[in-house]
Amino acid sequence: MAFADEAIIKRRVEAEQRKRESNIDLTKEQILYGEAYNFVPKQFFDDRLEFVVPREFSPMPEEMAAEKYLTAQKPQVILSNRDHAIDITLNQLEDSLKLEQIPQCLQKLKNTIRDVYPATLFYDAELIDTDDATIAYMDFKSFSLSGPIYNVMFVSRISGRPLIGTFNCSFEHWEQWKPVVLEMLKTIRELEERP
């Protein structure tokens, strides 16, 4: 009997999640865990990439980025909310990448994360095709000294080169952020190069 109750609850939660996901409209203000966010298109990488992100996010100060991203190669773009608890990062790599290689690139990243951080818990991995881009993403739970972190990592391409990005927030906030982040990914588009 307990298993039947759990299955019913799980189906209700999944139905609510799908309903929320289908109602995300980034042209309207989103209230996420008591904070209001307004989404606007921004350009990155010499105006070659357009991506809709929260207007309230701003570039993370260099000293904070150096503390939070300890690797020698910190992300080229780090946008953060006002208390620096939620980040969006973007990197464009030098290698070339064909459209059909995007899922394999994401799989390589997953394998690397799994090898370096074996406690990581992986969830979904999917491919999103829009009129403007092909994006592969995965989401996962990682662990830090301040507690568990919810992550969405994605791969696309700009000018034939890999675009790798992440979104991360406290794990307790994943449920409201995930559908919003997936809608944001659908806004990625490469802009025409200016002559």
C-alpha atoms as a PDB file:
ATOM      1  CA  MET A   1       0.000   0.000   0.000  1.00  0.00           C
ATOM      2  CA  ALA A   2       2.826   2.422   0.850  1.00  0.00           C
ATOM      3  CA  PHE A   3       4.382   1.836  -2.579  1.00  0.00           C
ATOM      4  CA  ALA A   4       1.088   2.692  -4.313  1.00  0.00           C
ATOM      5  CA  ASP A   5       0.843   5.940  -2.339  1.00  0.00           C
ATOM      6  CA  GLU A   6       4.432   6.831  -3.255  1.00  0.00           C
ATOM      7  CA  ALA A   7       3.731   6.128  -6.942  1.00  0.00           C
ATOM      8  CA  ILE A   8       0.636   8.366  -6.873  1.00  0.00           C
ATOM      9  CA  ILE A   9       2.548  11.174  -5.172  1.00  0.00           C
ATOM     10  CA  LYS A  10       5.385  10.823  -7.661  1.00  0.00           C
ATOM     11  CA  ARG A  11       2.946  11.051 -10.615  1.00  0.00           C
ATOM     12  CA  ARG A  12       1.314  14.152  -9.118  1.00  0.00           C
ATOM     13  CA  VAL A  13       4.700  15.840  -8.623  1.00  0.00           C
ATOM     14  CA  GLU A  14       5.700  14.992 -12.206  1.00  0.00           C
ATOM     15  CA  ALA A  15       2.379  16.337 -13.541  1.00  0.00           C
ATOM     16  CA  GLU A  16       2.841  19.582 -11.586  1.00  0.00           C
ATOM     17  CA  GLN A  17       6.401  19.868 -12.909  1.00  0.00           C
ATOM     18  CA  ARG A  18       5.224  19.428 -16.517  1.00  0.00           C
ATOM     19  CA  LYS A  19       2.473  22.002 -15.978  1.00  0.00           C
ATOM     20  CA  ARG A  20       4.983  24.513 -14.580  1.00  0.00           C
ATOM     21  CA  GLU A  21       7.428  23.829 -17.423  1.00  0.00           C
ATOM     22  CA  SER A  22       4.767  24.434 -20.059  1.00  0.00           C
ATOM     23  CA  ASN A  23       3.765  27.745 -18.455  1.00  0.00           C
ATOM     24  CA  ILE A  24       7.215  29.378 -18.397  1.00  0.00           C
ATOM     25  CA  ASP A  25       7.137  32.664 -20.308  1.00  0.00           C
ATOM     26  CA  LEU A  26      10.457  34.492 -20.121  1.00  0.00           C
ATOM     27  CA  THR A  27       8.845  37.683 -21.420  1.00  0.00           C
ATOM     28  CA  LYS A  28       7.083  37.923 -18.047  1.00  0.00           C
ATOM     29  CA  GLU A  29       8.549  38.382 -14.590  1.00  0.00           C
ATOM     30  CA  GLN A  30       9.310  35.098 -12.825  1.00  0.00           C
ATOM     31  CA  ILE A  31       9.147  34.793  -9.045  1.00  0.00           C
ATOM     32  CA  LEU A  32      11.614  32.137  -7.926  1.00  0.00           C
ATOM     33  CA  TYR A  33      11.936  31.468  -4.216  1.00  0.00           C
ATOM     34  CA  GLY A  34      10.646  34.922  -3.349  1.00  0.00           C
ATOM     35  CA  GLU A  35      12.935  36.805  -5.775  1.00  0.00           C
ATOM     36  CA  ALA A  36      11.649  38.567  -8.881  1.00  0.00           C
ATOM     37  CA  TYR A  37      13.578  38.007 -12.123  1.00  0.00           C
ATOM     38  CA  ASN A  38      13.068  39.704 -15.466  1.00  0.00           C
ATOM     39  CA  PHE A  39      14.680  38.099 -18.495  1.00  0.00           C
ATOM     40  CA  VAL A  40      16.383  40.007 -21.300  1.00  0.00           C
ATOM     41  CA  PRO A  41      18.495  39.022 -24.298  1.00  0.00           C
ATOM     42  CA  LYS A  42      22.198  39.773 -23.845  1.00  0.00           C
ATOM     43  CA  GLN A  43      25.073  39.438 -26.252  1.00  0.00           C
ATOM     44  CA  PHE A  44      28.370  37.708 -25.493  1.00  0.00           C
ATOM     45  CA  PHE A  45      31.640  36.894 -27.270  1.00  0.00           C
ATOM     46  CA  ASP A  46      31.886  40.052 -29.368  1.00  0.00           C
ATOM     47  CA  ASP A  47      28.145  39.972 -30.091  1.00  0.00           C
ATOM     48  CA  ARG A  48      28.293  36.522 -31.700  1.00  0.00           C
ATOM     49  CA  LEU A  49      26.008  34.884 -29.113  1.00  0.00           C
ATOM     50  CA  GLU A  50      22.622  36.003 -27.855  1.00  0.00           C
ATOM     51  CA  PHE A  51      21.214  34.393 -24.729  1.00  0.00           C
ATOM     52  CA  VAL A  52      18.228  35.431 -22.606  1.00  0.00           C
ATOM     53  CA  VAL A  53      19.331  35.741 -18.967  1.00  0.00           C
ATOM     54  CA  PRO A  54      17.978  37.427 -15.826  1.00  0.00           C
ATOM     55  CA  ARG A  55      18.444  41.205 -16.008  1.00  0.00           C
ATOM     56  CA  GLU A  56      19.228  41.102 -12.292  1.00  0.00           C
ATOM     57  CA  PHE A  57      22.372  39.017 -12.903  1.00  0.00           C
ATOM     58  CA  SER A  58      25.622  40.923 -13.346  1.00  0.00           C
ATOM     59  CA  PRO A  59      29.269  40.021 -13.929  1.00  0.00           C
ATOM     60  CA  MET A  60      30.803  38.465 -10.840  1.00  0.00           C
ATOM     61  CA  PRO A  61      33.576  40.624  -9.321  1.00  0.00           C
ATOM     62  CA  GLU A  62      37.060  39.299 -10.182  1.00  0.00           C
ATOM     63  CA  GLU A  63      38.104  38.675  -6.559  1.00  0.00           C
ATOM     64  CA  MET A  64      34.957  36.656  -5.881  1.00  0.00           C
ATOM     65  CA  ALA A  65      35.331  34.714  -9.137  1.00  0.00           C
ATOM     66  CA  ALA A  66      38.911  33.824  -8.164  1.00  0.00           C
ATOM     67  CA  GLU A  67      37.660  32.441  -4.825  1.00  0.00           C
ATOM     68  CA  LYS A  68      34.645  30.595  -6.206  1.00  0.00           C
ATOM     69  CA  TYR A  69      36.248  29.185  -9.365  1.00  0.00           C
ATOM     70  CA  LEU A  70      39.560  27.819  -8.177  1.00  0.00           C
ATOM     71  CA  THR A  71      40.656  26.260 -11.468  1.00  0.00           C
ATOM     72  CA  ALA A  72      43.403  27.953 -13.445  1.00  0.00           C
ATOM     73  CA  GLN A  73      40.950  28.583 -16.262  1.00  0.00           C
ATOM     74  CA  LYS A  74      37.912  30.178 -14.725  1.00  0.00           C
ATOM     75  CA  PRO A  75      34.931  30.738 -17.046  1.00  0.00           C
ATOM     76  CA  GLN A  76      35.179  33.597 -19.541  1.00  0.00           C
ATOM     77  CA  VAL A  77      31.720  34.874 -18.544  1.00  0.00           C
ATOM     78  CA  ILE A  78      30.337  34.579 -15.008  1.00  0.00           C
ATOM     79  CA  LEU A  79      26.975  36.193 -14.313  1.00  0.00           C
ATOM     80  CA  SER A  80      25.614  36.046 -10.801  1.00  0.00           C
ATOM     81  CA  ASN A  81      22.612  37.150  -8.799  1.00  0.00           C
ATOM     82  CA  ARG A  82      23.063  39.894  -6.227  1.00  0.00           C
ATOM     83  CA  ASP A  83      24.161  37.613  -3.358  1.00  0.00           C
ATOM     84  CA  HIS A  84      26.350  35.495  -5.697  1.00  0.00           C
ATOM     85  CA  ALA A  85      24.479  32.303  -4.798  1.00  0.00           C
ATOM     86  CA  ILE A  86      23.298  31.601  -8.373  1.00  0.00           C
ATOM     87  CA  ASP A  87      25.649  31.657 -11.360  1.00  0.00           C
ATOM     88  CA  ILE A  88      25.553  31.325 -15.113  1.00  0.00           C
ATOM     89  CA  THR A  89      28.900  30.706 -16.817  1.00  0.00           C
ATOM     90  CA  LEU A  90      29.888  30.645 -20.471  1.00  0.00           C
ATOM     91  CA  ASN A  91      33.065  29.497 -22.208  1.00  0.00           C
ATOM     92  CA  GLN A  92      33.936  29.343 -25.866  1.00  0.00           C
ATOM     93  CA  LEU A  93      36.698  26.859 -26.625  1.00  0.00           C
ATOM     94  CA  GLU A  94      39.252  27.054 -29.421  1.00  0.00           C
ATOM     95  CA  ASP A  95      38.595  23.568 -30.849  1.00  0.00           C
ATOM     96  CA  SER A  96      36.244  23.045 -33.758  1.00  0.00           C
ATOM     97  CA  LEU A  97      32.919  21.285 -33.190  1.00  0.00           C
ATOM     98  CA  LYS A  98      30.451  19.905 -35.710  1.00  0.00           C
ATOM     99  CA  LEU A  99      26.735  19.893 -34.893  1.00  0.00           C
ATOM    100  CA  GLU A 100      26.618  16.096 -34.743  1.00  0.00           C
ATOM    101  CA  GLN A 101      29.467  16.106 -32.177  1.00  0.00           C
ATOM    102  CA  ILE A 102      27.566  18.159 -29.582  1.00  0.00           C
ATOM    103  CA  PRO A 103      26.105  15.121 -27.702  1.00  0.00           C
ATOM    104  CA  GLN A 104      29.516  13.398 -27.628  1.00  0.00           C
ATOM    105  CA  CYS A 105      31.118  16.567 -26.257  1.00  0.00           C
ATOM    106  CA  LEU A 106      28.565  16.613 -23.432  1.00  0.00           C
ATOM    107  CA  GLN A 107      29.200  12.922 -22.741  1.00  0.00           C
ATOM    108  CA  LYS A 108      32.948  13.584 -22.453  1.00  0.00           C
ATOM    109  CA  LEU A 109      32.247  16.336 -19.932  1.00  0.00           C
ATOM    110  CA  LYS A 110      30.008  13.971 -17.972  1.00  0.00           C
ATOM    111  CA  ASN A 111      32.705  11.291 -17.940  1.00  0.00           C
ATOM    112  CA  THR A 112      35.295  13.799 -16.719  1.00  0.00           C
ATOM    113  CA  ILE A 113      33.025  15.041 -13.927  1.00  0.00           C
ATOM    114  CA  ARG A 114      32.238  11.455 -12.925  1.00  0.00           C
ATOM    115  CA  ASP A 115      35.960  10.571 -12.835  1.00  0.00           C
ATOM    116  CA  VAL A 116      37.002  13.633 -10.823  1.00  0.00           C
ATOM    117  CA  TYR A 117      33.924  13.842  -8.561  1.00  0.00           C
ATOM    118  CA  PRO A 118      32.517  10.298  -8.208  1.00  0.00           C
ATOM    119  CA  ALA A 119      29.879  11.403  -5.664  1.00  0.00           C
ATOM    120  CA  THR A 120      28.110  13.495  -8.337  1.00  0.00           C
ATOM    121  CA  LEU A 121      24.517  12.400  -8.992  1.00  0.00           C
ATOM    122  CA  PHE A 122      23.434  12.760 -12.628  1.00  0.00           C
ATOM    123  CA  TYR A 123      19.806  13.207 -13.696  1.00  0.00           C
ATOM    124  CA  ASP A 124      18.608  14.111 -17.196  1.00  0.00           C
ATOM    125  CA  ALA A 125      20.629  14.431 -20.389  1.00  0.00           C
ATOM    126  CA  GLU A 126      18.792  15.664 -23.461  1.00  0.00           C
ATOM    127  CA  LEU A 127      19.169  17.393 -26.794  1.00  0.00           C
ATOM    128  CA  ILE A 128      17.248  20.588 -27.560  1.00  0.00           C
ATOM    129  CA  ASP A 129      16.885  21.628 -31.192  1.00  0.00           C
ATOM    130  CA  THR A 130      15.561  25.095 -31.958  1.00  0.00           C
ATOM    131  CA  ASP A 131      15.473  27.086 -35.187  1.00  0.00           C
ATOM    132  CA  ASP A 132      18.615  28.882 -33.980  1.00  0.00           C
ATOM    133  CA  ALA A 133      20.757  26.266 -32.216  1.00  0.00           C
ATOM    134  CA  THR A 134      21.339  22.693 -31.102  1.00  0.00           C
ATOM    135  CA  ILE A 135      21.983  22.396 -27.376  1.00  0.00           C
ATOM    136  CA  ALA A 136      22.808  19.288 -25.362  1.00  0.00           C
ATOM    137  CA  TYR A 137      22.346  19.580 -21.613  1.00  0.00           C
ATOM    138  CA  MET A 138      22.620  17.488 -18.481  1.00  0.00           C
ATOM    139  CA  ASP A 139      21.704  18.287 -14.912  1.00  0.00           C
ATOM    140  CA  PHE A 140      23.326  16.947 -11.798  1.00  0.00           C
ATOM    141  CA  LYS A 141      23.838  17.352  -8.080  1.00  0.00           C
ATOM    142  CA  SER A 142      27.334  18.128  -6.881  1.00  0.00           C
ATOM    143  CA  PHE A 143      28.655  18.731  -3.397  1.00  0.00           C
ATOM    144  CA  SER A 144      30.585  21.639  -1.911  1.00  0.00           C
ATOM    145  CA  LEU A 145      31.611  22.771   1.557  1.00  0.00           C
ATOM    146  CA  SER A 146      28.531  25.004   1.679  1.00  0.00           C
ATOM    147  CA  GLY A 147      26.165  22.149   0.770  1.00  0.00           C
ATOM    148  CA  PRO A 148      24.732  20.376  -2.281  1.00  0.00           C
ATOM    149  CA  ILE A 149      24.598  22.297  -5.559  1.00  0.00           C
ATOM    150  CA  TYR A 150      22.186  21.892  -8.477  1.00  0.00           C
ATOM    151  CA  ASN A 151      23.895  22.224 -11.865  1.00  0.00           C
ATOM    152  CA  VAL A 152      22.807  22.380 -15.482  1.00  0.00           C
ATOM    153  CA  MET A 153      25.691  22.026 -17.936  1.00  0.00           C
ATOM    154  CA  PHE A 154      25.133  22.598 -21.625  1.00  0.00           C
ATOM    155  CA  VAL A 155      27.036  22.414 -24.894  1.00  0.00           C
ATOM    156  CA  SER A 156      26.264  24.220 -28.136  1.00  0.00           C
ATOM    157  CA  ARG A 157      28.433  25.879 -30.740  1.00  0.00           C
ATOM    158  CA  ILE A 158      29.248  29.342 -32.028  1.00  0.00           C
ATOM    159  CA  SER A 159      31.269  30.004 -35.170  1.00  0.00           C
ATOM    160  CA  GLY A 160      31.977  26.284 -35.397  1.00  0.00           C
ATOM    161  CA  ARG A 161      33.528  26.230 -31.909  1.00  0.00           C
ATOM    162  CA  PRO A 162      32.200  24.671 -28.695  1.00  0.00           C
ATOM    163  CA  LEU A 163      30.154  26.805 -26.328  1.00  0.00           C
ATOM    164  CA  ILE A 164      30.076  25.302 -22.850  1.00  0.00           C
ATOM    165  CA  GLY A 165      27.912  26.814 -20.160  1.00  0.00           C
ATOM    166  CA  THR A 166      26.641  26.082 -16.695  1.00  0.00           C
ATOM    167  CA  PHE A 167      23.908  27.199 -14.375  1.00  0.00           C
ATOM    168  CA  ASN A 168      24.207  26.470 -10.665  1.00  0.00           C
ATOM    169  CA  CYS A 169      22.252  27.212  -7.529  1.00  0.00           C
ATOM    170  CA  SER A 170      21.646  25.722  -4.097  1.00  0.00           C
ATOM    171  CA  PHE A 171      20.155  22.265  -4.506  1.00  0.00           C
ATOM    172  CA  GLU A 172      17.104  23.227  -2.459  1.00  0.00           C
ATOM    173  CA  HIS A 173      16.130  25.634  -5.270  1.00  0.00           C
ATOM    174  CA  TRP A 174      16.406  23.223  -8.218  1.00  0.00           C
ATOM    175  CA  GLU A 175      12.700  22.556  -8.610  1.00  0.00           C
ATOM    176  CA  GLN A 176      11.689  26.093  -9.588  1.00  0.00           C
ATOM    177  CA  TRP A 177      14.894  26.927 -11.465  1.00  0.00           C
ATOM    178  CA  LYS A 178      15.160  23.864 -13.715  1.00  0.00           C
ATOM    179  CA  PRO A 179      12.179  24.638 -16.017  1.00  0.00           C
ATOM    180  CA  VAL A 180      13.281  28.274 -16.250  1.00  0.00           C
ATOM    181  CA  VAL A 181      16.834  27.300 -17.183  1.00  0.00           C
ATOM    182  CA  LEU A 182      15.546  24.918 -19.859  1.00  0.00           C
ATOM    183  CA  GLU A 183      13.508  27.768 -21.355  1.00  0.00           C
ATOM    184  CA  MET A 184      16.601  29.979 -21.241  1.00  0.00           C
ATOM    185  CA  LEU A 185      18.582  27.370 -23.183  1.00  0.00           C
ATOM    186  CA  LYS A 186      16.008  27.539 -25.973  1.00  0.00           C
ATOM    187  CA  THR A 187      16.921  31.216 -26.474  1.00  0.00           C
ATOM    188  CA  ILE A 188      20.569  30.565 -27.394  1.00  0.00           C
ATOM    189  CA  ARG A 189      21.327  31.780 -30.877  1.00  0.00           C
ATOM    190  CA  GLU A 190      24.339  32.639 -32.931  1.00  0.00           C
ATOM    191  CA  LEU A 191      24.268  36.133 -34.374  1.00  0.00           C
ATOM    192  CA  GLU A 192      25.443  36.942 -37.874  1.00  0.00           C
ATOM    193  CA  GLU A 193      28.990  38.246 -37.991  1.00  0.00           C
ATOM    194  CA  ARG A 194      29.161  41.876 -38.945  1.00  0.00           C
ATOM    195  CA  PRO A 195      31.304  42.759 -41.984  1.00  0.00           C
END
